[in-house]
PDB file of N, CA and C in Angstrom:
ATOM      1  N   MET A   1      21.984   9.749-191.177  1.00  0.00           N
ATOM      2  CA  MET A   1      21.823  10.562-189.992  1.00  0.00           C
ATOM      3  C   MET A   1      23.120  10.473-189.184  1.00  0.00           C
ATOM      4  N   THR A   2      23.678  11.625-188.849  1.00  0.00           N
ATOM      5  CA  THR A   2      24.927  11.651-188.089  1.00  0.00           C
ATOM      6  C   THR A   2      24.656  11.428-186.604  1.00  0.00           C
ATOM      7  N   PHE A   3      25.736  11.207-185.866  1.00  0.00           N
ATOM      8  CA  PHE A   3      25.601  11.013-184.423  1.00  0.00           C
ATOM      9  C   PHE A   3      24.971  12.236-183.769  1.00  0.00           C
ATOM     10  N   GLU A   4      25.405  13.428-184.175  1.00  0.00           N
ATOM     11  CA  GLU A   4      24.875  14.655-183.577  1.00  0.00           C
ATOM     12  C   GLU A   4      23.371  14.782-183.814  1.00  0.00           C
ATOM     13  N   GLN A   5      22.911  14.413-185.003  1.00  0.00           N
ATOM     14  CA  GLN A   5      21.480  14.465-185.302  1.00  0.00           C
ATOM     15  C   GLN A   5      20.713  13.454-184.463  1.00  0.00           C
ATOM     16  N   LYS A   6      21.265  12.255-184.341  1.00  0.00           N
ATOM     17  CA  LYS A   6      20.618  11.224-183.528  1.00  0.00           C
ATOM     18  C   LYS A   6      20.559  11.650-182.067  1.00  0.00           C
ATOM     19  N   LYS A   7      21.667  12.222-181.578  1.00  0.00           N
ATOM     20  CA  LYS A   7      21.725  12.671-180.182  1.00  0.00           C
ATOM     21  C   LYS A   7      20.702  13.772-179.929  1.00  0.00           C
ATOM     22  N   ALA A   8      20.628  14.736-180.830  1.00  0.00           N
ATOM     23  CA  ALA A   8      19.678  15.843-180.674  1.00  0.00           C
ATOM     24  C   ALA A   8      18.239  15.336-180.686  1.00  0.00           C
ATOM     25  N   ARG A   9      17.951  14.388-181.566  1.00  0.00           N
ATOM     26  CA  ARG A   9      16.593  13.827-181.647  1.00  0.00           C
ATOM     27  C   ARG A   9      16.242  13.056-180.375  1.00  0.00           C
ATOM     28  N   ALA A  10      17.182  12.267-179.872  1.00  0.00           N
ATOM     29  CA  ALA A  10      16.943  11.494-178.654  1.00  0.00           C
ATOM     30  C   ALA A  10      16.759  12.411-177.449  1.00  0.00           C
ATOM     31  N   ILE A  11      17.576  13.444-177.353  1.00  0.00           N
ATOM     32  CA  ILE A  11      17.460  14.388-176.237  1.00  0.00           C
ATOM     33  C   ILE A  11      16.126  15.127-176.309  1.00  0.00           C
ATOM     34  N   ALA A  12      15.708  15.524-177.500  1.00  0.00           N
ATOM     35  CA  ALA A  12      14.416  16.206-177.655  1.00  0.00           C
ATOM     36  C   ALA A  12      13.269  15.294-177.239  1.00  0.00           C
ATOM     37  N   LEU A  13      13.355  14.013-177.594  1.00  0.00           N
ATOM     38  CA  LEU A  13      12.317  13.054-177.221  1.00  0.00           C
ATOM     39  C   LEU A  13      12.241  12.901-175.703  1.00  0.00           C
ATOM     40  N   MET A  14      13.387  12.729-175.069  1.00  0.00           N
ATOM     41  CA  MET A  14      13.390  12.549-173.614  1.00  0.00           C
ATOM     42  C   MET A  14      12.955  13.821-172.899  1.00  0.00           C
ATOM     43  N   ASP A  15      13.323  14.975-173.451  1.00  0.00           N
ATOM     44  CA  ASP A  15      12.902  16.241-172.859  1.00  0.00           C
ATOM     45  C   ASP A  15      11.388  16.404-172.968  1.00  0.00           C
ATOM     46  N   SER A  16      10.813  15.969-174.080  1.00  0.00           N
ATOM     47  CA  SER A  16       9.361  16.089-174.255  1.00  0.00           C
ATOM     48  C   SER A  16       8.591  15.166-173.311  1.00  0.00           C
ATOM     49  N   LYS A  17       9.237  14.108-172.844  1.00  0.00           N
ATOM     50  CA  LYS A  17       8.613  13.174-171.898  1.00  0.00           C
ATOM     51  C   LYS A  17       8.802  13.619-170.452  1.00  0.00           C
ATOM     52  N   LYS A  18       9.376  14.815-170.271  1.00  0.00           N
ATOM     53  CA  LYS A  18       9.585  15.423-168.950  1.00  0.00           C
ATOM     54  C   LYS A  18      10.570  14.641-168.073  1.00  0.00           C
ATOM     55  N   MET A  19      11.550  14.001-168.722  1.00  0.00           N
ATOM     56  CA  MET A  19      12.604  13.337-167.957  1.00  0.00           C
ATOM     57  C   MET A  19      13.568  14.395-167.436  1.00  0.00           C
ATOM     58  N   TRP A  20      14.181  14.122-166.302  1.00  0.00           N
ATOM     59  CA  TRP A  20      15.182  15.035-165.779  1.00  0.00           C
ATOM     60  C   TRP A  20      16.397  14.995-166.681  1.00  0.00           C
ATOM     61  N   ARG A  21      16.936  16.144-166.994  1.00  0.00           N
ATOM     62  CA  ARG A  21      18.107  16.215-167.872  1.00  0.00           C
ATOM     63  C   ARG A  21      19.295  15.458-167.276  1.00  0.00           C
ATOM     64  N   SER A  22      19.418  15.462-165.976  1.00  0.00           N
ATOM     65  CA  SER A  22      20.550  14.766-165.348  1.00  0.00           C
ATOM     66  C   SER A  22      20.466  13.257-165.532  1.00  0.00           C
ATOM     67  N   ASN A  23      19.291  12.730-165.875  1.00  0.00           N
ATOM     68  CA  ASN A  23      19.153  11.291-166.117  1.00  0.00           C
ATOM     69  C   ASN A  23      19.593  10.902-167.521  1.00  0.00           C
ATOM     70  N   TYR A  24      19.292  11.722-168.508  1.00  0.00           N
ATOM     71  CA  TYR A  24      19.627  11.338-169.879  1.00  0.00           C
ATOM     72  C   TYR A  24      20.855  12.054-170.419  1.00  0.00           C
ATOM     73  N   ALA A  25      21.317  13.083-169.750  1.00  0.00           N
ATOM     74  CA  ALA A  25      22.538  13.782-170.169  1.00  0.00           C
ATOM     75  C   ALA A  25      23.256  14.306-168.932  1.00  0.00           C
ATOM     76  N   PRO A  26      23.854  13.399-168.153  1.00  0.00           N
ATOM     77  CA  PRO A  26      24.550  13.841-166.950  1.00  0.00           C
ATOM     78  C   PRO A  26      25.733  14.754-167.295  1.00  0.00           C
ATOM     79  N   PRO A  27      26.143  15.586-166.345  1.00  0.00           N
ATOM     80  CA  PRO A  27      27.206  16.558-166.622  1.00  0.00           C
ATOM     81  C   PRO A  27      28.488  15.940-167.194  1.00  0.00           C
ATOM     82  N   LEU A  28      28.925  14.818-166.657  1.00  0.00           N
ATOM     83  CA  LEU A  28      30.151  14.199-167.166  1.00  0.00           C
ATOM     84  C   LEU A  28      29.992  13.781-168.627  1.00  0.00           C
ATOM     85  N   LEU A  29      28.855  13.236-168.970  1.00  0.00           N
ATOM     86  CA  LEU A  29      28.607  12.818-170.350  1.00  0.00           C
ATOM     87  C   LEU A  29      28.566  14.021-171.291  1.00  0.00           C
ATOM     88  N   ARG A  30      27.971  15.124-170.848  1.00  0.00           N
ATOM     89  CA  ARG A  30      27.932  16.330-171.681  1.00  0.00           C
ATOM     90  C   ARG A  30      29.338  16.873-171.927  1.00  0.00           C
ATOM     91  N   ILE A  31      30.189  16.792-170.912  1.00  0.00           N
ATOM     92  CA  ILE A  31      31.585  17.229-171.079  1.00  0.00           C
ATOM     93  C   ILE A  31      32.292  16.354-172.105  1.00  0.00           C
ATOM     94  N   LEU A  32      32.082  15.042-172.017  1.00  0.00           N
ATOM     95  CA  LEU A  32      32.713  14.126-172.970  1.00  0.00           C
ATOM     96  C   LEU A  32      32.205  14.360-174.388  1.00  0.00           C
ATOM     97  N   TRP A  33      30.911  14.674-174.543  1.00  0.00           N
ATOM     98  CA  TRP A  33      30.361  14.977-175.866  1.00  0.00           C
ATOM     99  C   TRP A  33      31.061  16.200-176.458  1.00  0.00           C
ATOM    100  N   ARG A  34      31.280  17.216-175.620  1.00  0.00           N
ATOM    101  CA  ARG A  34      31.930  18.435-176.111  1.00  0.00           C
ATOM    102  C   ARG A  34      33.371  18.174-176.523  1.00  0.00           C
ATOM    103  N   LEU A  35      34.043  17.308-175.785  1.00  0.00           N
ATOM    104  CA  LEU A  35      35.443  17.007-176.099  1.00  0.00           C
ATOM    105  C   LEU A  35      35.580  16.166-177.362  1.00  0.00           C
ATOM    106  N   GLY A  36      34.538  15.429-177.678  1.00  0.00           N
ATOM    107  CA  GLY A  36      34.537  14.635-178.905  1.00  0.00           C
ATOM    108  C   GLY A  36      34.885  13.250-178.622  1.00  0.00           C
TER     109      GLY A  36
END
């Protein structure tokens, strides 16, 4: 399982638990993910 697959699975899990997106994927972290 690649990092991207693990990240997508973890984000889907947290989203299904109704967590705020800013708690599990804050804007700065999302920018860093895009940059690699």
